[in-house]
Amino acid sequence: MVNEHGGVEAARILLRSPLSEGFAALWSYGRLDLSMEALVLQSSWKPLFTSEELAIAEKRLKEAGYKFDLKK
């Protein structure tokens, strides 16, 4: 997907889609820190996404019980 659409657009596609199997797998391994949702909320990537996209990422992580620092 990244090769076809580029990183940012691939992330946007995933944010518009239902939870991915990858998210579920990372959750089961306790590694949501590696999820696209956690990465887009990091300060270096945040400016590339809309407030709606960031809200989706934050909501998914909160619902999964992931503790994160939005200041990163």
N, C-alpha and C. Protein backbone atom coordinates (compact mmCIF):
# COMPACT_ATOMS: atom_id res chain seq x y z
N MET A 1 0.83 -1.19 0.00
CA MET A 1 0.00 0.00 0.00
C MET A 1 0.87 1.25 0.00
N VAL A 2 1.94 1.24 0.78
CA VAL A 2 2.82 2.40 0.83
C VAL A 2 3.50 2.61 -0.52
N ASN A 3 3.92 1.53 -1.15
CA ASN A 3 4.56 1.66 -2.47
C ASN A 3 3.59 2.23 -3.50
N GLU A 4 2.34 1.85 -3.39
CA GLU A 4 1.34 2.29 -4.36
C GLU A 4 0.86 3.72 -4.12
N HIS A 5 0.65 4.08 -2.84
CA HIS A 5 0.02 5.37 -2.51
C HIS A 5 0.94 6.36 -1.80
N GLY A 6 2.07 5.91 -1.31
CA GLY A 6 2.91 6.75 -0.48
C GLY A 6 2.47 6.64 0.98
N GLY A 7 3.35 6.98 1.89
CA GLY A 7 3.10 6.78 3.31
C GLY A 7 1.91 7.53 3.87
N VAL A 8 1.82 8.81 3.57
CA VAL A 8 0.76 9.63 4.15
C VAL A 8 -0.61 9.18 3.62
N GLU A 9 -0.70 8.97 2.33
CA GLU A 9 -1.99 8.55 1.76
C GLU A 9 -2.37 7.15 2.25
N ALA A 10 -1.39 6.27 2.39
CA ALA A 10 -1.68 4.93 2.93
C ALA A 10 -2.23 5.04 4.34
N ALA A 11 -1.66 5.92 5.15
CA ALA A 11 -2.17 6.13 6.51
C ALA A 11 -3.59 6.67 6.47
N ARG A 12 -3.85 7.60 5.57
CA ARG A 12 -5.21 8.16 5.45
C ARG A 12 -6.22 7.09 5.05
N ILE A 13 -5.84 6.22 4.13
CA ILE A 13 -6.71 5.12 3.72
C ILE A 13 -7.01 4.22 4.90
N LEU A 14 -5.99 3.89 5.67
CA LEU A 14 -6.18 3.03 6.85
C LEU A 14 -7.06 3.70 7.89
N LEU A 15 -6.92 5.01 8.05
CA LEU A 15 -7.75 5.72 9.02
C LEU A 15 -9.21 5.77 8.60
N ARG A 16 -9.47 5.74 7.31
CA ARG A 16 -10.85 5.74 6.82
C ARG A 16 -11.45 4.33 6.83
N SER A 17 -10.63 3.33 7.03
CA SER A 17 -11.08 1.94 7.00
C SER A 17 -11.33 1.42 8.40
N PRO A 18 -12.07 0.30 8.51
CA PRO A 18 -12.21 -0.34 9.82
C PRO A 18 -10.83 -0.77 10.33
N LEU A 19 -10.77 -1.09 11.60
CA LEU A 19 -9.48 -1.52 12.18
C LEU A 19 -8.86 -2.62 11.34
N SER A 20 -7.57 -2.51 11.16
CA SER A 20 -6.85 -3.49 10.35
C SER A 20 -6.42 -4.69 11.19
N GLU A 21 -6.11 -5.77 10.49
CA GLU A 21 -5.58 -6.96 11.17
C GLU A 21 -4.24 -6.62 11.80
N GLY A 22 -3.50 -5.72 11.17
CA GLY A 22 -2.21 -5.31 11.72
C GLY A 22 -2.36 -4.63 13.07
N PHE A 23 -3.36 -3.79 13.22
CA PHE A 23 -3.62 -3.13 14.49
C PHE A 23 -3.93 -4.17 15.55
N ALA A 24 -4.79 -5.13 15.20
CA ALA A 24 -5.17 -6.19 16.14
C ALA A 24 -3.95 -7.03 16.53
N ALA A 25 -3.10 -7.31 15.57
CA ALA A 25 -1.90 -8.11 15.86
C ALA A 25 -0.97 -7.33 16.80
N LEU A 26 -0.76 -6.06 16.51
CA LEU A 26 0.10 -5.24 17.39
C LEU A 26 -0.49 -5.14 18.78
N TRP A 27 -1.81 -5.02 18.88
CA TRP A 27 -2.47 -4.98 20.18
C TRP A 27 -2.22 -6.28 20.94
N SER A 28 -2.34 -7.41 20.26
CA SER A 28 -2.16 -8.71 20.93
C SER A 28 -0.74 -8.90 21.42
N TYR A 29 0.22 -8.26 20.77
CA TYR A 29 1.62 -8.35 21.20
C TYR A 29 2.02 -7.22 22.14
N GLY A 30 1.06 -6.36 22.46
CA GLY A 30 1.36 -5.24 23.36
C GLY A 30 2.27 -4.20 22.71
N ARG A 31 2.16 -4.03 21.39
CA ARG A 31 3.05 -3.12 20.68
C ARG A 31 2.30 -2.08 19.86
N LEU A 32 1.25 -1.51 20.42
CA LEU A 32 0.53 -0.46 19.71
C LEU A 32 1.40 0.77 19.46
N ASP A 33 2.52 0.84 20.16
CA ASP A 33 3.45 1.94 19.90
C ASP A 33 3.98 1.90 18.47
N LEU A 34 3.89 0.74 17.82
CA LEU A 34 4.35 0.61 16.44
C LEU A 34 3.22 0.79 15.42
N SER A 35 2.02 1.03 15.91
CA SER A 35 0.87 1.15 15.01
C SER A 35 0.93 2.48 14.24
N MET A 36 0.31 2.47 13.08
CA MET A 36 0.21 3.69 12.28
C MET A 36 -0.52 4.76 13.08
N GLU A 37 -1.54 4.35 13.87
CA GLU A 37 -2.30 5.30 14.68
C GLU A 37 -1.40 6.02 15.67
N ALA A 38 -0.50 5.29 16.32
CA ALA A 38 0.41 5.92 17.28
C ALA A 38 1.43 6.81 16.57
N LEU A 39 1.86 6.38 15.40
CA LEU A 39 2.87 7.16 14.68
C LEU A 39 2.32 8.48 14.17
N VAL A 40 1.08 8.49 13.66
CA VAL A 40 0.55 9.76 13.13
C VAL A 40 0.32 10.79 14.23
N LEU A 41 0.23 10.34 15.47
CA LEU A 41 0.04 11.27 16.58
C LEU A 41 1.34 11.86 17.10
N GLN A 42 2.47 11.37 16.60
CA GLN A 42 3.75 11.94 17.01
C GLN A 42 3.92 13.32 16.37
N SER A 43 4.56 14.21 17.10
CA SER A 43 4.65 15.60 16.66
C SER A 43 5.29 15.76 15.28
N SER A 44 6.19 14.87 14.90
CA SER A 44 6.84 15.01 13.61
C SER A 44 5.91 14.68 12.44
N TRP A 45 4.86 13.89 12.68
CA TRP A 45 3.93 13.49 11.61
C TRP A 45 2.58 14.18 11.70
N LYS A 46 2.24 14.65 12.88
CA LYS A 46 0.93 15.26 13.13
C LYS A 46 0.52 16.34 12.12
N PRO A 47 1.40 17.23 11.73
CA PRO A 47 1.00 18.31 10.81
C PRO A 47 0.52 17.81 9.44
N LEU A 48 0.81 16.57 9.11
CA LEU A 48 0.44 16.02 7.80
C LEU A 48 -1.00 15.53 7.74
N PHE A 49 -1.69 15.51 8.90
CA PHE A 49 -3.02 14.92 8.98
C PHE A 49 -4.04 15.93 9.49
N THR A 50 -5.29 15.73 9.09
CA THR A 50 -6.36 16.61 9.53
C THR A 50 -6.72 16.32 10.99
N SER A 51 -7.43 17.24 11.59
CA SER A 51 -7.87 17.03 12.97
C SER A 51 -8.79 15.81 13.06
N GLU A 52 -9.59 15.58 12.03
CA GLU A 52 -10.48 14.42 12.02
C GLU A 52 -9.69 13.11 11.97
N GLU A 53 -8.65 13.09 11.15
CA GLU A 53 -7.81 11.89 11.06
C GLU A 53 -7.09 11.62 12.37
N LEU A 54 -6.59 12.68 12.98
CA LEU A 54 -5.91 12.53 14.27
C LEU A 54 -6.88 12.06 15.35
N ALA A 55 -8.11 12.55 15.31
CA ALA A 55 -9.11 12.13 16.29
C ALA A 55 -9.43 10.64 16.14
N ILE A 56 -9.48 10.16 14.92
CA ILE A 56 -9.73 8.73 14.69
C ILE A 56 -8.59 7.90 15.29
N ALA A 57 -7.36 8.32 15.02
CA ALA A 57 -6.20 7.59 15.55
C ALA A 57 -6.22 7.58 17.08
N GLU A 58 -6.48 8.74 17.66
CA GLU A 58 -6.52 8.84 19.13
C GLU A 58 -7.64 7.98 19.72
N LYS A 59 -8.80 8.00 19.10
CA LYS A 59 -9.95 7.22 19.58
C LYS A 59 -9.64 5.72 19.55
N ARG A 60 -9.06 5.26 18.45
CA ARG A 60 -8.72 3.84 18.34
C ARG A 60 -7.75 3.41 19.44
N LEU A 61 -6.75 4.23 19.66
CA LEU A 61 -5.75 3.89 20.68
C LEU A 61 -6.36 3.91 22.08
N LYS A 62 -7.18 4.91 22.36
CA LYS A 62 -7.83 4.98 23.67
C LYS A 62 -8.74 3.78 23.89
N GLU A 63 -9.52 3.41 22.87
CA GLU A 63 -10.42 2.26 22.99
C GLU A 63 -9.66 0.96 23.20
N ALA A 64 -8.43 0.91 22.70
CA ALA A 64 -7.60 -0.29 22.86
C ALA A 64 -6.85 -0.27 24.19
N GLY A 65 -7.03 0.82 24.96
CA GLY A 65 -6.37 0.91 26.26
C GLY A 65 -4.92 1.34 26.20
N TYR A 66 -4.51 1.89 25.08
CA TYR A 66 -3.12 2.31 24.91
C TYR A 66 -2.89 3.64 25.60
N LYS A 67 -1.85 3.71 26.41
CA LYS A 67 -1.47 4.94 27.10
C LYS A 67 -0.41 5.64 26.25
N PHE A 68 -0.70 6.86 25.85
CA PHE A 68 0.26 7.56 25.01
C PHE A 68 0.37 9.01 25.43
N ASP A 69 1.47 9.62 25.02
CA ASP A 69 1.75 11.01 25.33
C ASP A 69 1.58 11.83 24.06
N LEU A 70 0.57 12.67 23.99
CA LEU A 70 0.31 13.46 22.79
C LEU A 70 1.36 14.55 22.59
N LYS A 71 2.24 14.75 23.55
CA LYS A 71 3.26 15.79 23.43
C LYS A 71 4.48 15.33 22.63
N LYS A 72 4.57 14.03 22.34
CA LYS A 72 5.73 13.51 21.60
C LYS A 72 5.78 14.07 20.21
